[in-house]
Each structure stands twice: as structure tokens, then as C-alpha cells.
PDB file of N, CA and C in Angstrom:
ATOM      1  N   MET A   1      76.997  89.074 -47.185  1.00  0.00           N
ATOM      2  CA  MET A   1      76.375  88.772 -45.853  1.00  0.00           C
ATOM      3  C   MET A   1      77.097  88.797 -44.906  1.00  0.00           C
ATOM      4  N   GLN A   2      78.292  88.726 -44.852  1.00  0.00           N
ATOM      5  CA  GLN A   2      79.476  89.040 -43.817  1.00  0.00           C
ATOM      6  C   GLN A   2      78.892  90.165 -43.403  1.00  0.00           C
ATOM      7  N   ARG A   3      78.799  91.057 -43.936  1.00  0.00           N
ATOM      8  CA  ARG A   3      78.738  92.651 -43.415  1.00  0.00           C
ATOM      9  C   ARG A   3      77.610  92.546 -42.573  1.00  0.00           C
ATOM     10  N   MET A   4      76.636  91.778 -42.232  1.00  0.00           N
ATOM     11  CA  MET A   4      75.605  91.638 -41.320  1.00  0.00           C
ATOM     12  C   MET A   4      75.898  91.416 -39.836  1.00  0.00           C
ATOM     13  N   GLY A   5      77.138  91.013 -39.993  1.00  0.00           N
ATOM     14  CA  GLY A   5      77.686  90.681 -38.490  1.00  0.00           C
ATOM     15  C   GLY A   5      78.163  89.238 -38.438  1.00  0.00           C
ATOM     16  N   HIS A   6      77.535  88.379 -39.421  1.00  0.00           N
ATOM     17  CA  HIS A   6      77.804  86.748 -39.197  1.00  0.00           C
ATOM     18  C   HIS A   6      79.202  86.639 -39.735  1.00  0.00           C
ATOM     19  N   ASP A   7      79.827  85.473 -39.054  1.00  0.00           N
ATOM     20  CA  ASP A   7      80.897  85.049 -39.076  1.00  0.00           C
ATOM     21  C   ASP A   7      81.217  84.423 -40.863  1.00  0.00           C
ATOM     22  N   SER A   8      79.693  83.711 -41.287  1.00  0.00           N
ATOM     23  CA  SER A   8      80.158  83.234 -42.583  1.00  0.00           C
ATOM     24  C   SER A   8      78.680  83.325 -43.077  1.00  0.00           C
ATOM     25  N   VAL A   9      78.726  82.857 -44.407  1.00  0.00           N
ATOM     26  CA  VAL A   9      77.527  83.333 -45.207  1.00  0.00           C
ATOM     27  C   VAL A   9      76.647  82.198 -44.771  1.00  0.00           C
ATOM     28  N   ARG A  10      76.851  80.843 -44.198  1.00  0.00           N
ATOM     29  CA  ARG A  10      76.069  79.758 -43.818  1.00  0.00           C
ATOM     30  C   ARG A  10      75.338  80.293 -42.480  1.00  0.00           C
ATOM     31  N   ALA A  11      75.887  81.024 -41.641  1.00  0.00           N
ATOM     32  CA  ALA A  11      75.471  81.520 -40.353  1.00  0.00           C
ATOM     33  C   ALA A  11      74.235  82.510 -41.015  1.00  0.00           C
ATOM     34  N   ALA A  12      74.619  83.370 -41.798  1.00  0.00           N
ATOM     35  CA  ALA A  12      73.526  84.493 -42.105  1.00  0.00           C
ATOM     36  C   ALA A  12      72.469  83.736 -42.834  1.00  0.00           C
ATOM     37  N   LEU A  13      72.484  82.762 -43.529  1.00  0.00           N
ATOM     38  CA  LEU A  13      71.570  81.935 -44.179  1.00  0.00           C
ATOM     39  C   LEU A  13      70.523  81.309 -43.208  1.00  0.00           C
ATOM     40  N   ILE A  14      71.574  80.637 -42.236  1.00  0.00           N
ATOM     41  CA  ILE A  14      70.628  80.071 -40.864  1.00  0.00           C
ATOM     42  C   ILE A  14      69.690  81.189 -40.264  1.00  0.00           C
ATOM     43  N   TYR A  15      70.472  82.184 -40.021  1.00  0.00           N
ATOM     44  CA  TYR A  15      69.717  83.665 -39.299  1.00  0.00           C
ATOM     45  C   TYR A  15      68.477  83.870 -40.306  1.00  0.00           C
ATOM     46  N   GLN A  16      68.713  84.087 -41.290  1.00  0.00           N
ATOM     47  CA  GLN A  16      67.504  84.624 -42.320  1.00  0.00           C
ATOM     48  C   GLN A  16      66.426  83.389 -42.179  1.00  0.00           C
ATOM     49  N   HIS A  17      66.716  81.986 -42.144  1.00  0.00           N
ATOM     50  CA  HIS A  17      65.763  81.008 -42.170  1.00  0.00           C
ATOM     51  C   HIS A  17      64.788  81.059 -41.160  1.00  0.00           C
ATOM     52  N   SER A  18      65.682  81.293 -39.793  1.00  0.00           N
ATOM     53  CA  SER A  18      64.836  81.214 -38.693  1.00  0.00           C
ATOM     54  C   SER A  18      64.093  82.617 -38.500  1.00  0.00           C
ATOM     55  N   THR A  19      64.482  83.805 -38.901  1.00  0.00           N
ATOM     56  CA  THR A  19      63.716  84.892 -39.007  1.00  0.00           C
ATOM     57  C   THR A  19      62.229  84.720 -39.846  1.00  0.00           C
ATOM     58  N   ALA A  20      62.813  84.007 -40.990  1.00  0.00           N
ATOM     59  CA  ALA A  20      61.413  84.133 -41.932  1.00  0.00           C
ATOM     60  C   ALA A  20      60.475  83.081 -41.416  1.00  0.00           C
ATOM     61  N   GLU A  21      60.959  81.934 -40.724  1.00  0.00           N
ATOM     62  CA  GLU A  21      59.855  80.894 -39.996  1.00  0.00           C
ATOM     63  C   GLU A  21      59.304  81.669 -38.877  1.00  0.00           C
ATOM     64  N   ALA A  22      59.868  82.550 -37.944  1.00  0.00           N
ATOM     65  CA  ALA A  22      59.146  83.145 -36.937  1.00  0.00           C
ATOM     66  C   ALA A  22      58.297  84.212 -37.479  1.00  0.00           C
ATOM     67  N   ASP A  23      58.543  84.792 -38.605  1.00  0.00           N
ATOM     68  CA  ASP A  23      57.593  85.691 -39.411  1.00  0.00           C
ATOM     69  C   ASP A  23      56.463  84.932 -39.776  1.00  0.00           C
ATOM     70  N   ARG A  24      56.651  83.884 -40.309  1.00  0.00           N
ATOM     71  CA  ARG A  24      55.311  82.997 -40.859  1.00  0.00           C
ATOM     72  C   ARG A  24      54.683  82.647 -39.781  1.00  0.00           C
ATOM     73  N   LYS A  25      55.075  82.196 -38.442  1.00  0.00           N
ATOM     74  CA  LYS A  25      54.105  81.760 -37.595  1.00  0.00           C
ATOM     75  C   LYS A  25      53.247  82.917 -37.057  1.00  0.00           C
ATOM     76  N   LEU A  26      54.232  84.259 -36.874  1.00  0.00           N
ATOM     77  CA  LEU A  26      53.224  85.392 -36.061  1.00  0.00           C
ATOM     78  C   LEU A  26      52.255  86.149 -37.407  1.00  0.00           C
ATOM     79  N   ALA A  27      52.557  85.808 -38.544  1.00  0.00           N
ATOM     80  CA  ALA A  27      51.453  85.995 -39.202  1.00  0.00           C
ATOM     81  C   ALA A  27      50.263  85.058 -39.448  1.00  0.00           C
ATOM     82  N   ASP A  28      50.582  83.781 -39.478  1.00  0.00           N
ATOM     83  CA  ASP A  28      49.793  83.021 -39.241  1.00  0.00           C
ATOM     84  C   ASP A  28      48.751  83.166 -38.106  1.00  0.00           C
ATOM     85  N   SER A  29      49.360  83.298 -37.137  1.00  0.00           N
ATOM     86  CA  SER A  29      48.722  83.638 -36.000  1.00  0.00           C
ATOM     87  C   SER A  29      47.608  84.979 -35.606  1.00  0.00           C
ATOM     88  N   MET A  30      48.103  86.056 -36.305  1.00  0.00           N
ATOM     89  CA  MET A  30      47.448  86.952 -36.828  1.00  0.00           C
ATOM     90  C   MET A  30      46.402  87.106 -37.565  1.00  0.00           C
ATOM     91  N   ASP A  31      46.315  85.888 -38.742  1.00  0.00           N
ATOM     92  CA  ASP A  31      45.545  85.683 -39.495  1.00  0.00           C
ATOM     93  C   ASP A  31      44.398  84.745 -39.147  1.00  0.00           C
ATOM     94  N   ASP A  32      44.682  83.976 -38.053  1.00  0.00           N
ATOM     95  CA  ASP A  32      43.718  83.270 -37.382  1.00  0.00           C
ATOM     96  C   ASP A  32      42.943  84.307 -36.245  1.00  0.00           C
ATOM     97  N   LYS A  33      43.359  85.047 -35.737  1.00  0.00           N
ATOM     98  CA  LYS A  33      42.784  86.068 -34.907  1.00  0.00           C
ATOM     99  C   LYS A  33      41.685  86.714 -35.633  1.00  0.00           C
ATOM    100  N   ILE A  34      42.424  87.199 -36.662  1.00  0.00           N
ATOM    101  CA  ILE A  34      41.299  88.225 -37.797  1.00  0.00           C
ATOM    102  C   ILE A  34      40.320  87.507 -38.241  1.00  0.00           C
ATOM    103  N   ALA A  35      40.362  86.179 -38.540  1.00  0.00           N
ATOM    104  CA  ALA A  35      39.232  85.344 -38.953  1.00  0.00           C
ATOM    105  C   ALA A  35      38.385  85.124 -38.125  1.00  0.00           C
ATOM    106  N   ARG A  36      38.716  84.834 -36.682  1.00  0.00           N
ATOM    107  CA  ARG A  36      37.796  84.396 -35.475  1.00  0.00           C
ATOM    108  C   ARG A  36      36.998  85.818 -35.240  1.00  0.00           C
ATOM    109  N   SER A  37      37.733  86.968 -35.012  1.00  0.00           N
ATOM    110  CA  SER A  37      36.919  88.363 -35.009  1.00  0.00           C
ATOM    111  C   SER A  37      35.921  88.227 -36.000  1.00  0.00           C
ATOM    112  N   GLN A  38      36.434  88.290 -37.535  1.00  0.00           N
ATOM    113  CA  GLN A  38      35.259  88.636 -38.335  1.00  0.00           C
ATOM    114  C   GLN A  38      34.195  87.645 -38.092  1.00  0.00           C
ATOM    115  N   THR A  39      34.393  86.292 -37.857  1.00  0.00           N
ATOM    116  CA  THR A  39      33.238  85.015 -37.568  1.00  0.00           C
ATOM    117  C   THR A  39      32.358  85.687 -36.460  1.00  0.00           C
ATOM    118  N   ILE A  40      33.269  86.056 -35.351  1.00  0.00           N
ATOM    119  CA  ILE A  40      32.178  86.712 -34.054  1.00  0.00           C
ATOM    120  C   ILE A  40      31.426  87.902 -34.694  1.00  0.00           C
ATOM    121  N   GLN A  41      31.973  88.709 -35.357  1.00  0.00           N
ATOM    122  CA  GLN A  41      31.008  90.126 -35.573  1.00  0.00           C
ATOM    123  C   GLN A  41      30.025  89.712 -36.617  1.00  0.00           C
ATOM    124  N   ALA A  42      30.323  88.440 -37.784  1.00  0.00           N
ATOM    125  CA  ALA A  42      29.295  88.163 -38.395  1.00  0.00           C
ATOM    126  C   ALA A  42      28.189  87.619 -37.693  1.00  0.00           C
ATOM    127  N   ALA A  43      28.169  86.750 -36.827  1.00  0.00           N
ATOM    128  CA  ALA A  43      27.264  86.134 -35.946  1.00  0.00           C
ATOM    129  C   ALA A  43      26.526  86.961 -35.050  1.00  0.00           C
ATOM    130  N   GLY A  44      27.274  87.948 -34.805  1.00  0.00           N
ATOM    131  CA  GLY A  44      26.355  88.914 -33.806  1.00  0.00           C
ATOM    132  C   GLY A  44      25.658  90.005 -34.360  1.00  0.00           C
TER     133      GLY A  44
END
């Protein structure tokens, strides 16, 4: 993990966790938008 440019394994793990959390929030937001769009299309 140090090859990724981080000073320590701990820093790399913290970065990976933060990135995974941000990815999850983005995916959840996209899921919500898709679900709302499908609901509107089904009603219309």
C-alpha cells in the first residue's frame, strides 16, 4: 500500500475507507433518483 503514495499502511486504509464511503453515498443517491424516475414514469 505504500506504493500508492501513502506514508503508511494506516493512511492508505483510512483513504480507502473514505473513498468507499463516498462511493456508497453516490450510489445511494443515484438509486434514489432512478427509483423516483421510474415511479413518475409508471404514474404517467
